[in-house]
Amino acid sequence: GEAVVVKSFTGKIVNSTPDAGMHVKAPWDSTVTFNIRNQPIAMYSNAGGEGADGAALSVPLKGGANASVSITIAYSINSASVESIYNQFKDQQGLKDTALKPQLRNIVRNETAKLAPLEVKEKRAQLGTNILTALAAEWAKYGVVVDQVNLGDITLDQATEQAISKVITAQQEVEQARANLSKAKITAEVTKTEAKAQADSDQIMRCGAQTTEVEVT
């Protein structure tokens, strides 16, 4: 589950290997270890606190609103890339802090900015897929594989939540008004039909005819 880079006292790479077991190095050389198993980047906020890599991300939405997004990424490092990663970032933490976490923040913000407040929760599955695709393309150049993207809580800012609540209430009132109108139309039609039936019956009676009451369903 590890790959090791062996470096000289000057910092130059002497060797690297992902193979398990006993290995030999010169006494004056040192090693840098990279975990090549699945690992998380966790950015979230809840009652228990914050994620190991930071709080939930504050992101923009289409139209100027804002939201808070909790996200956890599972990624792994290609063992063949550890020398390149060492040359660029010196160690795994450097890769994570300098490249992976900043790019994760930027990509999540870019993707949420394409969605309106009413869409960001409804389309969370598609949002997760879009984030994974963008991350995979960006991190491939480092030899990092994105294994999974999990979106947690998506919370809109208070002003937006209140505005959406008003929209939903207004929609419900419109539907209720439509229902009331339909009911009024039906009642009026029944009244009209009953009045005409009574008028017809009265006319028949005045002509000397006899009527029989019939119940029809």
Protein backbone atom coordinates (compact mmCIF):
# COMPACT_ATOMS: atom_id res chain seq x y z
CA GLY A 1 0.00 0.00 0.00
CA GLU A 2 2.98 2.32 -0.18
CA ALA A 3 5.48 3.56 -2.74
CA VAL A 4 8.87 4.85 -1.55
CA VAL A 5 11.21 7.38 -3.12
CA VAL A 6 14.86 7.08 -2.10
CA LYS A 7 16.73 10.38 -2.24
CA SER A 8 20.32 11.38 -1.68
CA PHE A 9 21.45 13.96 0.87
CA THR A 10 21.25 16.56 -1.92
CA GLY A 11 17.58 15.74 -2.52
CA LYS A 12 18.16 13.99 -5.85
CA ILE A 13 16.11 10.82 -6.48
CA VAL A 14 18.23 7.68 -6.27
CA ASN A 15 15.47 5.11 -6.67
CA SER A 16 11.78 4.44 -6.12
CA THR A 17 9.65 1.34 -5.67
CA PRO A 18 6.03 0.36 -4.92
CA ASP A 19 7.01 -3.24 -4.14
CA ALA A 20 6.42 -4.65 -0.68
CA GLY A 21 9.20 -6.35 1.27
CA MET A 22 12.78 -5.69 2.31
CA HIS A 23 14.81 -3.12 0.34
CA VAL A 24 18.36 -1.81 0.71
CA LYS A 25 19.57 1.78 0.56
CA ALA A 26 22.81 3.56 1.32
CA PRO A 27 23.10 4.89 4.90
CA TRP A 28 23.39 8.46 3.64
CA ASP A 29 20.19 8.23 1.58
CA SER A 30 16.72 8.92 3.01
CA THR A 31 13.19 7.94 1.98
CA VAL A 32 9.89 9.66 1.26
CA THR A 33 6.81 7.43 1.56
CA PHE A 34 3.61 7.81 -0.47
CA ASN A 35 0.35 6.07 0.40
CA ILE A 36 -1.04 4.57 -2.83
CA ARG A 37 -4.25 3.18 -1.30
CA ASN A 38 -7.59 4.98 -1.48
CA GLN A 39 -7.51 8.12 0.66
CA PRO A 40 -10.08 10.82 1.46
CA ILE A 41 -10.24 14.56 1.22
CA ALA A 42 -13.06 15.58 3.57
CA MET A 43 -14.49 19.08 3.65
CA TYR A 44 -17.71 19.37 5.61
CA SER A 45 -19.43 21.12 8.49
CA ASN A 46 -21.93 19.59 10.89
CA ALA A 47 -22.82 19.49 14.58
CA GLY A 48 -19.71 17.42 15.22
CA GLY A 49 -17.35 19.98 13.73
CA GLU A 50 -15.43 20.22 10.47
CA GLY A 51 -13.84 17.73 8.10
CA ALA A 52 -10.19 16.76 8.39
CA ASP A 53 -9.37 18.94 5.38
CA GLY A 54 -11.56 21.92 6.17
CA ALA A 55 -15.09 23.21 6.53
CA ALA A 56 -17.89 22.90 3.99
CA LEU A 57 -17.21 24.92 0.85
CA SER A 58 -18.89 28.27 0.34
CA VAL A 59 -19.91 28.30 -3.33
CA PRO A 60 -21.71 30.64 -5.74
CA LEU A 61 -24.91 29.77 -7.60
CA LYS A 62 -26.39 31.09 -10.81
CA GLY A 63 -28.16 34.40 -10.20
CA GLY A 64 -25.93 35.59 -7.36
CA ALA A 65 -27.07 33.32 -4.51
CA ASN A 66 -24.64 31.32 -2.35
CA ALA A 67 -24.63 27.87 -0.82
CA SER A 68 -22.60 25.69 1.52
CA VAL A 69 -21.54 22.29 0.13
CA SER A 70 -20.07 19.40 2.12
CA ILE A 71 -17.98 17.02 0.04
CA THR A 72 -15.73 13.99 0.48
CA ILE A 73 -13.40 12.73 -2.26
CA ALA A 74 -11.75 9.31 -2.43
CA TYR A 75 -8.55 9.31 -4.50
CA SER A 76 -5.46 7.22 -5.06
CA ILE A 77 -1.94 7.87 -6.34
CA ASN A 78 -0.49 5.92 -9.25
CA SER A 79 2.72 4.34 -7.97
CA ALA A 80 4.48 5.14 -11.26
CA SER A 81 3.96 8.85 -10.59
CA VAL A 82 5.61 9.18 -7.19
CA GLU A 83 8.94 10.41 -8.58
CA SER A 84 7.18 13.14 -10.55
CA ILE A 85 5.12 14.08 -7.48
CA TYR A 86 8.27 14.24 -5.37
CA ASN A 87 9.98 16.50 -7.91
CA GLN A 88 6.99 18.89 -7.95
CA PHE A 89 5.73 18.77 -4.36
CA LYS A 90 8.40 16.95 -2.29
CA ASP A 91 5.87 14.79 -0.44
CA GLN A 92 2.25 13.65 -0.37
CA GLN A 93 1.09 16.44 1.95
CA GLY A 94 2.59 19.00 -0.41
CA LEU A 95 0.63 17.48 -3.30
CA LYS A 96 -2.56 17.58 -1.26
CA ASP A 97 -2.17 21.13 0.09
CA THR A 98 -0.69 22.75 -3.03
CA ALA A 99 -2.68 21.08 -5.80
CA LEU A 100 -5.51 18.75 -4.84
CA LYS A 101 -7.42 20.77 -2.25
CA PRO A 102 -7.25 24.14 -4.07
CA GLN A 103 -8.32 22.54 -7.35
CA LEU A 104 -11.15 20.70 -5.61
CA ARG A 105 -12.47 24.01 -4.22
CA ASN A 106 -12.22 25.71 -7.63
CA ILE A 107 -13.93 22.90 -9.53
CA VAL A 108 -16.82 22.61 -7.06
CA ARG A 109 -17.37 26.39 -7.28
CA ASN A 110 -17.21 26.34 -11.08
CA GLU A 111 -19.81 23.55 -11.27
CA THR A 112 -22.25 25.00 -8.74
CA ALA A 113 -22.10 28.40 -10.48
CA LYS A 114 -23.87 26.73 -13.44
CA LEU A 115 -26.93 25.87 -11.32
CA ALA A 116 -29.75 28.01 -9.98
CA PRO A 117 -30.78 27.68 -6.29
CA LEU A 118 -33.78 25.48 -7.14
CA GLU A 119 -31.55 23.19 -9.26
CA VAL A 120 -28.54 22.64 -7.02
CA LYS A 121 -30.38 20.22 -4.71
CA GLU A 122 -32.58 18.64 -7.37
CA LYS A 123 -29.57 17.90 -9.61
CA ARG A 124 -27.09 16.83 -6.90
CA ALA A 125 -26.40 13.48 -8.63
CA GLN A 126 -25.49 15.24 -11.87
CA LEU A 127 -23.47 17.80 -9.92
CA GLY A 128 -21.46 14.99 -8.32
CA THR A 129 -20.81 13.41 -11.72
CA ASN A 130 -19.68 16.72 -13.20
CA ILE A 131 -17.29 17.33 -10.30
CA LEU A 132 -15.81 13.83 -10.64
CA THR A 133 -15.29 14.27 -14.39
CA ALA A 134 -13.59 17.64 -13.98
CA LEU A 135 -11.38 16.43 -11.12
CA ALA A 136 -10.35 13.29 -13.01
CA ALA A 137 -9.22 15.37 -15.99
CA GLU A 138 -7.32 17.85 -13.80
CA TRP A 139 -5.64 15.38 -11.46
CA ALA A 140 -4.61 12.90 -14.15
CA LYS A 141 -1.60 15.08 -14.95
CA TYR A 142 -0.25 14.37 -11.46
CA GLY A 143 -0.91 10.63 -11.68
CA VAL A 144 -3.83 10.91 -9.23
CA VAL A 145 -7.00 8.87 -9.80
CA VAL A 146 -10.38 10.08 -8.51
CA ASP A 147 -12.22 7.03 -7.20
CA GLN A 148 -15.37 8.58 -5.77
CA VAL A 149 -17.16 11.87 -5.10
CA ASN A 150 -19.70 12.03 -2.26
CA LEU A 151 -21.78 15.17 -1.79
CA GLY A 152 -23.09 15.76 1.71
CA ASP A 153 -25.34 18.59 2.89
CA ILE A 154 -26.09 21.38 0.42
CA THR A 155 -27.39 24.39 2.34
CA LEU A 156 -28.56 27.61 0.70
CA ASP A 157 -27.94 30.97 2.34
CA GLN A 158 -30.76 32.22 4.54
CA ALA A 159 -32.01 34.90 2.14
CA THR A 160 -32.25 32.38 -0.70
CA GLU A 161 -33.99 29.79 1.48
CA GLN A 162 -36.58 32.40 2.48
CA ALA A 163 -37.09 33.47 -1.14
CA ILE A 164 -37.59 29.85 -2.25
CA SER A 165 -40.00 29.28 0.63
CA LYS A 166 -42.06 32.26 -0.57
CA VAL A 167 -42.04 30.92 -4.14
CA ILE A 168 -43.23 27.50 -2.97
CA THR A 169 -45.95 29.10 -0.81
CA ALA A 170 -47.09 31.23 -3.76
CA GLN A 171 -47.19 28.16 -6.02
CA GLN A 172 -49.30 26.32 -3.45
CA GLU A 173 -51.67 29.28 -3.21
CA VAL A 174 -52.01 29.35 -7.01
CA GLU A 175 -52.83 25.64 -7.08
CA GLN A 176 -55.39 26.13 -4.30
CA ALA A 177 -56.94 29.04 -6.19
CA ARG A 178 -57.18 26.89 -9.30
CA ALA A 179 -58.84 24.14 -7.30
CA ASN A 180 -61.29 26.62 -5.78
CA LEU A 181 -62.08 28.03 -9.22
CA SER A 182 -62.70 24.56 -10.64
CA LYS A 183 -64.96 23.76 -7.71
CA ALA A 184 -66.89 27.03 -8.19
CA LYS A 185 -67.32 26.30 -11.90
CA ILE A 186 -68.64 22.81 -11.17
CA THR A 187 -71.02 24.14 -8.51
CA ALA A 188 -72.29 26.83 -10.88
CA GLU A 189 -72.80 24.27 -13.64
CA VAL A 190 -74.73 21.97 -11.30
CA THR A 191 -76.91 24.86 -10.14
CA LYS A 192 -77.57 25.90 -13.74
CA THR A 193 -78.45 22.33 -14.75
CA GLU A 194 -80.77 21.87 -11.78
CA ALA A 195 -82.51 25.18 -12.50
CA LYS A 196 -83.04 24.27 -16.15
CA ALA A 197 -84.37 20.85 -15.16
CA GLN A 198 -86.82 22.47 -12.76
CA ALA A 199 -87.91 24.98 -15.40
CA ASP A 200 -88.41 22.18 -17.94
CA SER A 201 -90.43 20.20 -15.42
CA ASP A 202 -92.63 23.19 -14.65
CA GLN A 203 -93.27 23.74 -18.35
CA ILE A 204 -94.24 20.09 -18.83
CA MET A 205 -96.62 20.26 -15.87
CA ARG A 206 -98.27 23.38 -17.25
CA CYS A 207 -98.94 21.49 -20.48
CA GLY A 208 -100.90 18.84 -18.51
CA ALA A 209 -98.30 16.09 -18.69
CA GLN A 210 -97.42 13.75 -15.85
CA THR A 211 -93.86 13.27 -14.65
CA THR A 212 -92.04 10.41 -13.03
CA GLU A 213 -88.96 11.06 -10.94
CA VAL A 214 -85.96 8.94 -12.01
CA GLU A 215 -82.65 8.80 -10.19
CA VAL A 216 -79.66 8.59 -12.51
CA THR A 217 -76.07 8.04 -11.47
